């Protein structure tokens, strides 16, 4: 069992350098339910968890346990910069990173004046707290998202993701829905495409190649984010469920939850201090953070943001008024 190294994934907590009062922006009114850009999955039973005993003990990827899900919808891709820009224009939403005044940027790509470099995260010098880094300026004040409209939006907190989902007439996926969808119909496999990381010598996801954290050979074609429809979709038609950006789930995180998880449509613990993250990111490498496996889990606090944090949305297969998962999770988002 590998030791626990969470900090290569997302830095713990957001470095706070407040430039405006920390008053959350108003949650936009929910729009009519929408399944635009989503695929409908049939649900059913699957084995959730790490069948290879390759996970980090503190992440709680075991025991493997049967889960039965109702049919649901989930986005084909992570939410893009273009989609998030439409949301911001419509609602005036200000992200947590913007309100905090800074966010975490990987050290090799910081693009900001020296005065904006506020230091590194404790014990993880590859994460730099950069003033003015947010979704529109992902590497700092000198960067922008020109040419990256179809890349996943980053520097979004769980709070931001939940606000977007509500506005879009959607919701965040439960952790169980996310893993079921990411597996693409392959039972008990290590990755979304099988057990071999690079079948036929080809990269199937955007992760780190080289020596973390100083040398990335970018053999997969990308140093940071890739367009949301890169590589190949999985068996369910979902793109980039491994690597690229971490994706927020609706659930509170607990490393012991799998031992007593509900067998049908589990929604995570009732309370917690951190929300579940799934999928890994462009910084994952097997020497330090092999969380691009389909069973891998991580977490962070709901207000945290960094340059490798994004999300995709889900929906019930029926209307939220039916009292299903969507209705319950939407009420949870408002809490």
C-alpha atoms as a PDB file:
ATOM      1  CA  UNK A   1       0.000   0.000   0.000  1.00  0.00           C
ATOM      2  CA  UNK A   2       1.398   3.328  -1.074  1.00  0.00           C
ATOM      3  CA  UNK A   3       1.809   6.123   1.440  1.00  0.00           C
ATOM      4  CA  UNK A   4      -0.606   9.040   1.308  1.00  0.00           C
ATOM      5  CA  UNK A   5       0.545  12.025  -0.776  1.00  0.00           C
ATOM      6  CA  UNK A   6      -2.446  14.319  -1.231  1.00  0.00           C
ATOM      7  CA  UNK A   7      -0.615  17.515  -2.024  1.00  0.00           C
ATOM      8  CA  UNK A   8       0.453  16.695  -5.561  1.00  0.00           C
ATOM      9  CA  UNK A   9      -3.225  16.607  -6.414  1.00  0.00           C
ATOM     10  CA  UNK A  10      -4.741  19.773  -4.994  1.00  0.00           C
ATOM     11  CA  UNK A  11      -3.232  21.862  -2.200  1.00  0.00           C
ATOM     12  CA  UNK A  12      -5.060  21.467   1.091  1.00  0.00           C
ATOM     13  CA  UNK A  13      -7.247  24.482   1.546  1.00  0.00           C
ATOM     14  CA  UNK A  14      -7.130  27.741  -0.364  1.00  0.00           C
ATOM     15  CA  UNK A  15      -4.490  30.295   0.682  1.00  0.00           C
ATOM     16  CA  UNK A  16      -6.596  33.246   1.752  1.00  0.00           C
ATOM     17  CA  UNK A  17      -5.495  36.768   0.832  1.00  0.00           C
ATOM     18  CA  UNK A  18      -8.820  38.533   0.854  1.00  0.00           C
ATOM     19  CA  UNK A  19      -9.209  41.579  -1.356  1.00  0.00           C
ATOM     20  CA  UNK A  20     -12.987  41.760  -0.975  1.00  0.00           C
ATOM     21  CA  UNK A  21     -15.192  40.734   1.949  1.00  0.00           C
ATOM     22  CA  UNK A  22     -15.799  36.959   2.005  1.00  0.00           C
ATOM     23  CA  UNK A  23     -19.530  37.177   1.368  1.00  0.00           C
ATOM     24  CA  UNK A  24     -20.743  34.385  -0.908  1.00  0.00           C
ATOM     25  CA  UNK A  25     -22.387  35.522  -4.103  1.00  0.00           C
ATOM     26  CA  UNK A  26     -26.093  34.823  -4.319  1.00  0.00           C
ATOM     27  CA  UNK A  27     -26.897  31.354  -5.614  1.00  0.00           C
ATOM     28  CA  UNK A  28     -28.639  31.860  -8.966  1.00  0.00           C
ATOM     29  CA  UNK A  29     -32.191  30.706  -9.378  1.00  0.00           C
ATOM     30  CA  UNK A  30     -32.453  27.198 -10.719  1.00  0.00           C
ATOM     31  CA  UNK A  31     -33.342  27.052 -14.393  1.00  0.00           C
ATOM     32  CA  UNK A  32     -35.602  24.453 -15.921  1.00  0.00           C
ATOM     33  CA  UNK A  33     -33.994  21.030 -15.795  1.00  0.00           C
ATOM     34  CA  UNK A  34     -31.633  20.502 -18.716  1.00  0.00           C
ATOM     35  CA  UNK A  35     -29.856  17.428 -20.042  1.00  0.00           C
ATOM     36  CA  UNK A  36     -28.017  19.322 -22.780  1.00  0.00           C
ATOM     37  CA  UNK A  37     -24.583  17.821 -23.401  1.00  0.00           C
ATOM     38  CA  UNK A  38     -25.382  14.819 -21.215  1.00  0.00           C
ATOM     39  CA  UNK A  39     -25.647  11.097 -21.826  1.00  0.00           C
ATOM     40  CA  UNK A  40     -28.295   8.969 -20.161  1.00  0.00           C
ATOM     41  CA  UNK A  41     -26.894   5.971 -18.319  1.00  0.00           C
ATOM     42  CA  UNK A  42     -29.072   2.988 -17.466  1.00  0.00           C
ATOM     43  CA  UNK A  43     -27.907   2.554 -13.904  1.00  0.00           C
ATOM     44  CA  UNK A  44     -27.767  -0.892 -12.391  1.00  0.00           C
ATOM     45  CA  UNK A  45     -25.337  -2.624 -10.058  1.00  0.00           C
ATOM     46  CA  UNK A  46     -21.556  -2.348 -10.129  1.00  0.00           C
ATOM     47  CA  UNK A  47     -18.628  -3.080  -7.825  1.00  0.00           C
ATOM     48  CA  UNK A  48     -17.346   0.239  -6.425  1.00  0.00           C
ATOM     49  CA  UNK A  49     -13.817   0.604  -5.100  1.00  0.00           C
ATOM     50  CA  UNK A  50     -10.228  -0.519  -5.640  1.00  0.00           C
ATOM     51  CA  UNK A  51     -10.057  -4.208  -6.541  1.00  0.00           C
ATOM     52  CA  UNK A  52      -6.256  -4.078  -6.985  1.00  0.00           C
ATOM     53  CA  UNK A  53      -5.282  -2.779  -3.533  1.00  0.00           C
ATOM     54  CA  UNK A  54      -3.310   0.001  -5.202  1.00  0.00           C
ATOM     55  CA  UNK A  55      -4.925   2.953  -3.475  1.00  0.00           C
ATOM     56  CA  UNK A  56      -3.858   5.187  -0.629  1.00  0.00           C
ATOM     57  CA  UNK A  57      -5.108   3.869   2.689  1.00  0.00           C
ATOM     58  CA  UNK A  58      -6.116   7.311   3.919  1.00  0.00           C
ATOM     59  CA  UNK A  59      -8.316   7.761   0.828  1.00  0.00           C
ATOM     60  CA  UNK A  60     -10.576   4.858   1.775  1.00  0.00           C
ATOM     61  CA  UNK A  61     -10.910   3.146  -1.612  1.00  0.00           C
ATOM     62  CA  UNK A  62     -11.916  -0.123   0.043  1.00  0.00           C
ATOM     63  CA  UNK A  63     -13.779  -2.300   0.739  1.00  0.00           C
ATOM     64  CA  UNK A  64     -15.032  -2.990  -2.755  1.00  0.00           C
ATOM     65  CA  UNK A  65     -18.797  -3.027  -2.353  1.00  0.00           C
ATOM     66  CA  UNK A  66     -21.846  -3.505  -4.583  1.00  0.00           C
ATOM     67  CA  UNK A  67     -23.788  -0.350  -5.427  1.00  0.00           C
ATOM     68  CA  UNK A  68     -27.063  -0.124  -7.322  1.00  0.00           C
ATOM     69  CA  UNK A  69     -27.924   3.116  -9.102  1.00  0.00           C
ATOM     70  CA  UNK A  70     -31.091   4.436 -10.695  1.00  0.00           C
ATOM     71  CA  UNK A  71     -30.764   5.670 -14.284  1.00  0.00           C
ATOM     72  CA  UNK A  72     -29.210   9.140 -14.493  1.00  0.00           C
ATOM     73  CA  UNK A  73     -27.675  11.653 -16.869  1.00  0.00           C
ATOM     74  CA  UNK A  74     -24.101  12.955 -16.783  1.00  0.00           C
ATOM     75  CA  UNK A  75     -22.144  15.462 -18.869  1.00  0.00           C
ATOM     76  CA  UNK A  76     -20.069  14.035 -21.701  1.00  0.00           C
ATOM     77  CA  UNK A  77     -17.239  16.366 -20.722  1.00  0.00           C
ATOM     78  CA  UNK A  78     -16.012  18.583 -17.942  1.00  0.00           C
ATOM     79  CA  UNK A  79     -17.512  22.087 -17.978  1.00  0.00           C
ATOM     80  CA  UNK A  80     -15.485  24.275 -20.329  1.00  0.00           C
ATOM     81  CA  UNK A  81     -14.205  27.827 -20.055  1.00  0.00           C
ATOM     82  CA  UNK A  82     -16.772  28.878 -22.655  1.00  0.00           C
ATOM     83  CA  UNK A  83     -19.649  27.330 -20.716  1.00  0.00           C
ATOM     84  CA  UNK A  84     -18.507  28.837 -17.438  1.00  0.00           C
ATOM     85  CA  UNK A  85     -18.114  32.253 -19.098  1.00  0.00           C
ATOM     86  CA  UNK A  86     -21.753  32.067 -20.216  1.00  0.00           C
ATOM     87  CA  UNK A  87     -22.780  31.335 -16.625  1.00  0.00           C
ATOM     88  CA  UNK A  88     -20.738  34.231 -15.241  1.00  0.00           C
ATOM     89  CA  UNK A  89     -22.119  36.624 -17.838  1.00  0.00           C
ATOM     90  CA  UNK A  90     -25.684  35.575 -17.039  1.00  0.00           C
ATOM     91  CA  UNK A  91     -25.386  35.656 -13.252  1.00  0.00           C
ATOM     92  CA  UNK A  92     -22.479  37.907 -12.313  1.00  0.00           C
ATOM     93  CA  UNK A  93     -21.082  35.034 -10.247  1.00  0.00           C
ATOM     94  CA  UNK A  94     -17.775  35.795  -8.527  1.00  0.00           C
ATOM     95  CA  UNK A  95     -15.725  32.695  -7.832  1.00  0.00           C
ATOM     96  CA  UNK A  96     -14.152  31.879  -4.496  1.00  0.00           C
ATOM     97  CA  UNK A  97     -10.688  32.304  -6.036  1.00  0.00           C
ATOM     98  CA  UNK A  98     -11.590  35.831  -7.143  1.00  0.00           C
ATOM     99  CA  UNK A  99     -12.983  36.718  -3.726  1.00  0.00           C
ATOM    100  CA  UNK A 100      -9.990  35.232  -1.950  1.00  0.00           C
ATOM    101  CA  UNK A 101      -7.700  37.236  -4.203  1.00  0.00           C
ATOM    102  CA  UNK A 102      -5.371  34.331  -5.001  1.00  0.00           C
ATOM    103  CA  UNK A 103      -5.300  30.692  -5.967  1.00  0.00           C
ATOM    104  CA  UNK A 104      -2.818  27.835  -6.356  1.00  0.00           C
ATOM    105  CA  UNK A 105      -0.806  27.526  -9.582  1.00  0.00           C
ATOM    106  CA  UNK A 106       1.706  24.817 -10.459  1.00  0.00           C
ATOM    107  CA  UNK A 107       5.240  26.211 -10.193  1.00  0.00           C
ATOM    108  CA  UNK A 108       6.346  25.492 -13.773  1.00  0.00           C
ATOM    109  CA  UNK A 109       3.604  27.594 -15.365  1.00  0.00           C
ATOM    110  CA  UNK A 110       3.217  30.674 -13.140  1.00  0.00           C
ATOM    111  CA  UNK A 111       2.746  33.716 -15.394  1.00  0.00           C
ATOM    112  CA  UNK A 112       2.551  36.703 -13.093  1.00  0.00           C
ATOM    113  CA  UNK A 113       4.636  39.612 -11.836  1.00  0.00           C
ATOM    114  CA  UNK A 114       7.014  38.688  -9.042  1.00  0.00           C
ATOM    115  CA  UNK A 115       4.976  40.775  -6.598  1.00  0.00           C
ATOM    116  CA  UNK A 116       2.002  38.480  -7.195  1.00  0.00           C
ATOM    117  CA  UNK A 117       3.905  35.391  -6.065  1.00  0.00           C
ATOM    118  CA  UNK A 118       2.781  35.080  -2.464  1.00  0.00           C
ATOM    119  CA  UNK A 119       4.679  31.939  -1.493  1.00  0.00           C
ATOM    120  CA  UNK A 120       4.218  28.214  -1.762  1.00  0.00           C
ATOM    121  CA  UNK A 121       1.902  25.848   0.031  1.00  0.00           C
ATOM    122  CA  UNK A 122       3.354  24.412   3.236  1.00  0.00           C
ATOM    123  CA  UNK A 123       5.487  21.387   2.412  1.00  0.00           C
ATOM    124  CA  UNK A 124       4.551  21.436  -1.286  1.00  0.00           C
ATOM    125  CA  UNK A 125       6.787  23.943  -3.078  1.00  0.00           C
ATOM    126  CA  UNK A 126       5.327  23.035  -6.474  1.00  0.00           C
ATOM    127  CA  UNK A 127       2.074  24.781  -5.535  1.00  0.00           C
ATOM    128  CA  UNK A 128       2.459  28.564  -5.672  1.00  0.00           C
ATOM    129  CA  UNK A 129      -0.109  30.935  -4.190  1.00  0.00           C
ATOM    130  CA  UNK A 130      -0.526  33.517  -6.946  1.00  0.00           C
ATOM    131  CA  UNK A 131      -2.371  36.782  -6.479  1.00  0.00           C
ATOM    132  CA  UNK A 132      -4.926  37.311  -9.214  1.00  0.00           C
ATOM    133  CA  UNK A 133      -5.014  33.702 -10.395  1.00  0.00           C
ATOM    134  CA  UNK A 134      -8.570  32.586 -11.154  1.00  0.00           C
ATOM    135  CA  UNK A 135     -10.584  30.913 -13.901  1.00  0.00           C
ATOM    136  CA  UNK A 136     -10.018  33.699 -16.435  1.00  0.00           C
ATOM    137  CA  UNK A 137      -6.301  34.000 -15.605  1.00  0.00           C
ATOM    138  CA  UNK A 138      -5.324  30.433 -14.728  1.00  0.00           C
ATOM    139  CA  UNK A 139      -1.551  30.982 -14.433  1.00  0.00           C
ATOM    140  CA  UNK A 140      -1.686  34.507 -13.015  1.00  0.00           C
ATOM    141  CA  UNK A 141      -2.249  38.102 -14.105  1.00  0.00           C
ATOM    142  CA  UNK A 142      -0.264  37.768 -17.348  1.00  0.00           C
ATOM    143  CA  UNK A 143      -2.223  34.719 -18.530  1.00  0.00           C
ATOM    144  CA  UNK A 144      -5.648  34.355 -20.088  1.00  0.00           C
ATOM    145  CA  UNK A 145      -7.880  31.675 -21.587  1.00  0.00           C
ATOM    146  CA  UNK A 146      -7.517  32.804 -25.181  1.00  0.00           C
ATOM    147  CA  UNK A 147      -7.413  29.697 -27.320  1.00  0.00           C
ATOM    148  CA  UNK A 148      -8.647  27.588 -24.404  1.00  0.00           C
ATOM    149  CA  UNK A 149     -12.403  28.002 -24.718  1.00  0.00           C
ATOM    150  CA  UNK A 150     -12.822  24.224 -25.065  1.00  0.00           C
ATOM    151  CA  UNK A 151     -10.491  23.414 -22.165  1.00  0.00           C
ATOM    152  CA  UNK A 152     -11.993  22.604 -18.750  1.00  0.00           C
ATOM    153  CA  UNK A 153     -12.571  25.577 -16.496  1.00  0.00           C
ATOM    154  CA  UNK A 154     -10.195  25.511 -13.501  1.00  0.00           C
ATOM    155  CA  UNK A 155      -9.783  27.423 -10.227  1.00  0.00           C
ATOM    156  CA  UNK A 156     -13.402  26.561  -9.432  1.00  0.00           C
ATOM    157  CA  UNK A 157     -14.363  25.614  -5.894  1.00  0.00           C
ATOM    158  CA  UNK A 158     -17.100  23.158  -4.951  1.00  0.00           C
ATOM    159  CA  UNK A 159     -19.239  26.188  -4.132  1.00  0.00           C
ATOM    160  CA  UNK A 160     -18.691  27.570  -7.635  1.00  0.00           C
ATOM    161  CA  UNK A 161     -19.436  24.207  -9.240  1.00  0.00           C
ATOM    162  CA  UNK A 162     -22.670  23.797  -7.270  1.00  0.00           C
ATOM    163  CA  UNK A 163     -23.767  27.320  -8.245  1.00  0.00           C
ATOM    164  CA  UNK A 164     -23.112  26.615 -11.924  1.00  0.00           C
ATOM    165  CA  UNK A 165     -24.983  23.312 -11.764  1.00  0.00           C
ATOM    166  CA  UNK A 166     -28.035  24.955 -10.193  1.00  0.00           C
ATOM    167  CA  UNK A 167     -28.041  27.690 -12.833  1.00  0.00           C
ATOM    168  CA  UNK A 168     -27.718  25.123 -15.617  1.00  0.00           C
ATOM    169  CA  UNK A 169     -30.693  23.074 -14.400  1.00  0.00           C
ATOM    170  CA  UNK A 170     -28.374  20.273 -13.363  1.00  0.00           C
ATOM    171  CA  UNK A 171     -26.562  19.052 -10.239  1.00  0.00           C
ATOM    172  CA  UNK A 172     -23.203  17.612  -9.268  1.00  0.00           C
ATOM    173  CA  UNK A 173     -22.882  13.823  -9.593  1.00  0.00           C
ATOM    174  CA  UNK A 174     -22.746  11.645  -6.540  1.00  0.00           C
ATOM    175  CA  UNK A 175     -19.425   9.880  -6.080  1.00  0.00           C
ATOM    176  CA  UNK A 176     -21.043   6.542  -6.921  1.00  0.00           C
ATOM    177  CA  UNK A 177     -22.562   7.944 -10.109  1.00  0.00           C
ATOM    178  CA  UNK A 178     -19.198   9.418 -11.072  1.00  0.00           C
ATOM    179  CA  UNK A 179     -17.353   6.101 -10.675  1.00  0.00           C
ATOM    180  CA  UNK A 180     -20.056   4.111 -12.455  1.00  0.00           C
ATOM    181  CA  UNK A 181     -19.984   6.580 -15.348  1.00  0.00           C
ATOM    182  CA  UNK A 182     -16.186   6.748 -15.465  1.00  0.00           C
ATOM    183  CA  UNK A 183     -15.894   2.966 -15.717  1.00  0.00           C
ATOM    184  CA  UNK A 184     -17.780   3.092 -18.997  1.00  0.00           C
ATOM    185  CA  UNK A 185     -19.269  -0.360 -18.526  1.00  0.00           C
ATOM    186  CA  UNK A 186     -15.954  -2.121 -17.825  1.00  0.00           C
ATOM    187  CA  UNK A 187     -16.328  -4.104 -14.613  1.00  0.00           C
ATOM    188  CA  UNK A 188     -13.480  -4.158 -12.106  1.00  0.00           C
ATOM    189  CA  UNK A 189     -10.865  -2.579 -14.357  1.00  0.00           C
ATOM    190  CA  UNK A 190      -8.034  -0.305 -13.316  1.00  0.00           C
ATOM    191  CA  UNK A 191      -8.690   2.463 -15.846  1.00  0.00           C
ATOM    192  CA  UNK A 192     -11.621   3.689 -17.884  1.00  0.00           C
ATOM    193  CA  UNK A 193     -10.250   1.754 -20.902  1.00  0.00           C
ATOM    194  CA  UNK A 194      -8.853  -1.398 -19.244  1.00  0.00           C
ATOM    195  CA  UNK A 195      -5.904  -2.426 -17.082  1.00  0.00           C
ATOM    196  CA  UNK A 196      -2.977  -1.206 -19.223  1.00  0.00           C
ATOM    197  CA  UNK A 197      -2.064   2.486 -18.834  1.00  0.00           C
ATOM    198  CA  UNK A 198      -0.785   2.864 -22.407  1.00  0.00           C
ATOM    199  CA  UNK A 199      -2.358   0.214 -24.647  1.00  0.00           C
ATOM    200  CA  UNK A 200      -0.422  -0.143 -27.921  1.00  0.00           C
ATOM    201  CA  UNK A 201       1.995   2.433 -26.540  1.00  0.00           C
ATOM    202  CA  UNK A 202      -0.586   5.222 -26.755  1.00  0.00           C
ATOM    203  CA  UNK A 203      -1.507   7.651 -24.010  1.00  0.00           C
ATOM    204  CA  UNK A 204      -5.200   7.555 -23.174  1.00  0.00           C
ATOM    205  CA  UNK A 205      -5.243  10.366 -20.622  1.00  0.00           C
ATOM    206  CA  UNK A 206      -3.544  13.634 -19.692  1.00  0.00           C
ATOM    207  CA  UNK A 207      -1.214  12.951 -16.757  1.00  0.00           C
ATOM    208  CA  UNK A 208       2.417  13.679 -15.876  1.00  0.00           C
ATOM    209  CA  UNK A 209       5.302  12.069 -17.731  1.00  0.00           C
ATOM    210  CA  UNK A 210       8.882  12.452 -16.536  1.00  0.00           C
ATOM    211  CA  UNK A 211      10.080  13.202 -13.006  1.00  0.00           C
ATOM    212  CA  UNK A 212       7.533  14.911 -10.794  1.00  0.00           C
ATOM    213  CA  UNK A 213       7.562  17.817 -10.002  1.00  0.00           C
ATOM    214  CA  UNK A 214      10.343  19.311 -12.134  1.00  0.00           C
ATOM    215  CA  UNK A 215      10.392  17.595 -15.543  1.00  0.00           C
ATOM    216  CA  UNK A 216       7.307  16.887 -17.606  1.00  0.00           C
ATOM    217  CA  UNK A 217       8.162  15.504 -21.030  1.00  0.00           C
ATOM    218  CA  UNK A 218       4.530  16.044 -22.109  1.00  0.00           C
ATOM    219  CA  UNK A 219       4.532  12.816 -24.112  1.00  0.00           C
ATOM    220  CA  UNK A 220       0.732  12.880 -23.945  1.00  0.00           C
ATOM    221  CA  UNK A 221       0.762  16.251 -25.696  1.00  0.00           C
ATOM    222  CA  UNK A 222      -0.064  18.514 -22.764  1.00  0.00           C
ATOM    223  CA  UNK A 223       1.778  20.265 -19.941  1.00  0.00           C
ATOM    224  CA  UNK A 224      -1.391  21.505 -18.254  1.00  0.00           C
ATOM    225  CA  UNK A 225      -5.017  21.137 -19.375  1.00  0.00           C
ATOM    226  CA  UNK A 226      -6.121  19.471 -22.582  1.00  0.00           C
ATOM    227  CA  UNK A 227      -9.319  20.183 -24.546  1.00  0.00           C
ATOM    228  CA  UNK A 228     -12.256  18.371 -22.970  1.00  0.00           C
ATOM    229  CA  UNK A 229     -12.656  16.043 -25.971  1.00  0.00           C
ATOM    230  CA  UNK A 230      -9.065  14.814 -26.055  1.00  0.00           C
ATOM    231  CA  UNK A 231      -8.049  11.144 -26.414  1.00  0.00           C
ATOM    232  CA  UNK A 232     -10.968   8.745 -26.721  1.00  0.00           C
ATOM    233  CA  UNK A 233     -14.300   8.627 -24.876  1.00  0.00           C
ATOM    234  CA  UNK A 234     -15.022   5.656 -22.652  1.00  0.00           C
ATOM    235  CA  UNK A 235     -17.647   2.988 -23.307  1.00  0.00           C
ATOM    236  CA  UNK A 236     -20.438   5.311 -22.170  1.00  0.00           C
ATOM    237  CA  UNK A 237     -19.276   8.199 -24.349  1.00  0.00           C
ATOM    238  CA  UNK A 238     -17.664  10.211 -21.536  1.00  0.00           C
ATOM    239  CA  UNK A 239     -14.424  12.067 -22.227  1.00  0.00           C
ATOM    240  CA  UNK A 240     -11.391  12.454 -19.940  1.00  0.00           C
ATOM    241  CA  UNK A 241     -12.598  10.661 -16.839  1.00  0.00           C
ATOM    242  CA  UNK A 242      -8.913  10.067 -16.051  1.00  0.00           C
ATOM    243  CA  UNK A 243      -6.433  12.901 -15.719  1.00  0.00           C
ATOM    244  CA  UNK A 244      -6.805  16.434 -17.094  1.00  0.00           C
ATOM    245  CA  UNK A 245      -8.650  18.017 -14.122  1.00  0.00           C
ATOM    246  CA  UNK A 246     -10.006  16.805 -10.829  1.00  0.00           C
ATOM    247  CA  UNK A 247     -13.808  16.820 -10.772  1.00  0.00           C
ATOM    248  CA  UNK A 248     -15.943  17.785  -7.794  1.00  0.00           C
ATOM    249  CA  UNK A 249     -18.661  15.390  -6.638  1.00  0.00           C
ATOM    250  CA  UNK A 250     -21.698  16.179  -4.500  1.00  0.00           C
ATOM    251  CA  UNK A 251     -20.664  14.005  -1.552  1.00  0.00           C
ATOM    252  CA  UNK A 252     -18.961  14.916   1.663  1.00  0.00           C
ATOM    253  CA  UNK A 253     -15.753  12.898   1.987  1.00  0.00           C
ATOM    254  CA  UNK A 254     -15.002  10.239   4.601  1.00  0.00           C
ATOM    255  CA  UNK A 255     -12.202   7.639   4.318  1.00  0.00           C
ATOM    256  CA  UNK A 256     -14.391   5.114   6.164  1.00  0.00           C
ATOM    257  CA  UNK A 257     -17.599   5.630   4.213  1.00  0.00           C
ATOM    258  CA  UNK A 258     -17.320   2.551   1.994  1.00  0.00           C
ATOM    259  CA  UNK A 259     -17.564   0.247   5.001  1.00  0.00           C
ATOM    260  CA  UNK A 260     -21.148   1.358   5.652  1.00  0.00           C
ATOM    261  CA  UNK A 261     -22.223   2.892   2.341  1.00  0.00           C
ATOM    262  CA  UNK A 262     -25.873   2.521   1.410  1.00  0.00           C
ATOM    263  CA  UNK A 263     -26.294  -0.218  -1.206  1.00  0.00           C
ATOM    264  CA  UNK A 264     -28.656   1.861  -3.357  1.00  0.00           C
ATOM    265  CA  UNK A 265     -27.879   5.356  -4.664  1.00  0.00           C
ATOM    266  CA  UNK A 266     -25.402   6.272  -1.894  1.00  0.00           C
ATOM    267  CA  UNK A 267     -24.947   9.995  -1.357  1.00  0.00           C
ATOM    268  CA  UNK A 268     -22.010  10.086   1.018  1.00  0.00           C
ATOM    269  CA  UNK A 269     -21.898  11.086   4.696  1.00  0.00           C
ATOM    270  CA  UNK A 270     -24.464  13.529   6.058  1.00  0.00           C
ATOM    271  CA  UNK A 271     -21.778  15.988   7.144  1.00  0.00           C
ATOM    272  CA  UNK A 272     -18.086  16.630   6.648  1.00  0.00           C
ATOM    273  CA  UNK A 273     -15.360  19.204   6.145  1.00  0.00           C
ATOM    274  CA  UNK A 274     -14.243  18.262   2.606  1.00  0.00           C
ATOM    275  CA  UNK A 275     -15.994  17.287  -0.619  1.00  0.00           C
ATOM    276  CA  UNK A 276     -15.048  14.340  -2.832  1.00  0.00           C
ATOM    277  CA  UNK A 277     -12.807  14.832  -5.857  1.00  0.00           C
ATOM    278  CA  UNK A 278     -12.519  12.249  -8.625  1.00  0.00           C
ATOM    279  CA  UNK A 279     -10.523  11.495 -11.748  1.00  0.00           C
ATOM    280  CA  UNK A 280      -7.013  12.797 -11.141  1.00  0.00           C
ATOM    281  CA  UNK A 281      -5.373  15.598 -13.105  1.00  0.00           C
ATOM    282  CA  UNK A 282      -2.514  16.523 -15.422  1.00  0.00           C
ATOM    283  CA  UNK A 283      -0.209  16.449 -12.383  1.00  0.00           C
ATOM    284  CA  UNK A 284      -0.793  12.808 -11.425  1.00  0.00           C
ATOM    285  CA  UNK A 285       2.180  10.422 -11.792  1.00  0.00           C
ATOM    286  CA  UNK A 286       2.573   6.870 -10.524  1.00  0.00           C
ATOM    287  CA  UNK A 287       5.663   7.842  -8.524  1.00  0.00           C
ATOM    288  CA  UNK A 288       3.645  10.165  -6.351  1.00  0.00           C
ATOM    289  CA  UNK A 289      -0.093  10.224  -7.034  1.00  0.00           C
ATOM    290  CA  UNK A 290      -1.600   7.414  -9.084  1.00  0.00           C
ATOM    291  CA  UNK A 291      -5.111   8.768  -8.689  1.00  0.00           C
ATOM    292  CA  UNK A 292      -5.962   8.509 -12.370  1.00  0.00           C
ATOM    293  CA  UNK A 293      -7.232   5.004 -11.576  1.00  0.00           C
ATOM    294  CA  UNK A 294     -11.006   4.847 -11.879  1.00  0.00           C
ATOM    295  CA  UNK A 295     -11.454   3.882  -8.197  1.00  0.00           C
ATOM    296  CA  UNK A 296      -9.203   6.638  -6.847  1.00  0.00           C
ATOM    297  CA  UNK A 297     -10.553   9.299  -4.507  1.00  0.00           C
ATOM    298  CA  UNK A 298      -9.365  12.588  -3.117  1.00  0.00           C
ATOM    299  CA  UNK A 299     -10.969  15.555  -1.397  1.00  0.00           C
ATOM    300  CA  UNK A 300     -10.679  19.208  -0.524  1.00  0.00           C
ATOM    301  CA  UNK A 301     -12.617  21.858   1.362  1.00  0.00           C
ATOM    302  CA  UNK A 302     -15.614  23.363  -0.472  1.00  0.00           C
ATOM    303  CA  UNK A 303     -14.034  26.803  -0.880  1.00  0.00           C
ATOM    304  CA  UNK A 304     -10.689  25.529  -2.201  1.00  0.00           C
ATOM    305  CA  UNK A 305      -9.466  26.215  -5.712  1.00  0.00           C
ATOM    306  CA  UNK A 306      -6.407  25.415  -7.789  1.00  0.00           C
ATOM    307  CA  UNK A 307      -5.269  25.241 -11.397  1.00  0.00           C
ATOM    308  CA  UNK A 308      -6.290  21.578 -11.748  1.00  0.00           C
ATOM    309  CA  UNK A 309      -9.770  21.655 -10.196  1.00  0.00           C
ATOM    310  CA  UNK A 310     -12.838  21.425 -12.446  1.00  0.00           C
ATOM    311  CA  UNK A 311     -16.159  19.556 -12.604  1.00  0.00           C
ATOM    312  CA  UNK A 312     -18.915  18.028 -14.695  1.00  0.00           C
ATOM    313  CA  UNK A 313     -22.641  17.946 -13.997  1.00  0.00           C
ATOM    314  CA  UNK A 314     -25.274  15.233 -13.688  1.00  0.00           C
ATOM    315  CA  UNK A 315     -29.054  14.944 -13.540  1.00  0.00           C
ATOM    316  CA  UNK A 316     -31.766  12.504 -12.588  1.00  0.00           C
ATOM    317  CA  UNK A 317     -33.400  10.692 -15.468  1.00  0.00           C
ATOM    318  CA  UNK A 318     -36.687  12.122 -14.171  1.00  0.00           C
ATOM    319  CA  UNK A 319     -37.531  15.617 -13.002  1.00  0.00           C
ATOM    320  CA  UNK A 320     -36.156  16.916  -9.667  1.00  0.00           C
ATOM    321  CA  UNK A 321     -39.748  17.378  -8.458  1.00  0.00           C
ATOM    322  CA  UNK A 322     -39.999  13.600  -8.221  1.00  0.00           C
ATOM    323  CA  UNK A 323     -37.932  13.789  -5.053  1.00  0.00           C
ATOM    324  CA  UNK A 324     -35.059  11.774  -6.440  1.00  0.00           C
ATOM    325  CA  UNK A 325     -31.322  12.284  -6.022  1.00  0.00           C
ATOM    326  CA  UNK A 326     -31.424  15.582  -7.914  1.00  0.00           C
ATOM    327  CA  UNK A 327     -33.976  17.116  -5.598  1.00  0.00           C
ATOM    328  CA  UNK A 328     -32.152  16.022  -2.488  1.00  0.00           C
ATOM    329  CA  UNK A 329     -28.750  17.129  -3.726  1.00  0.00           C
ATOM    330  CA  UNK A 330     -30.109  20.423  -4.999  1.00  0.00           C
ATOM    331  CA  UNK A 331     -31.423  21.115  -1.515  1.00  0.00           C
ATOM    332  CA  UNK A 332     -28.029  20.149  -0.163  1.00  0.00           C
ATOM    333  CA  UNK A 333     -26.364  22.632  -2.524  1.00  0.00           C
ATOM    334  CA  UNK A 334     -28.502  25.380  -1.068  1.00  0.00           C
ATOM    335  CA  UNK A 335     -27.600  24.568   2.529  1.00  0.00           C
END
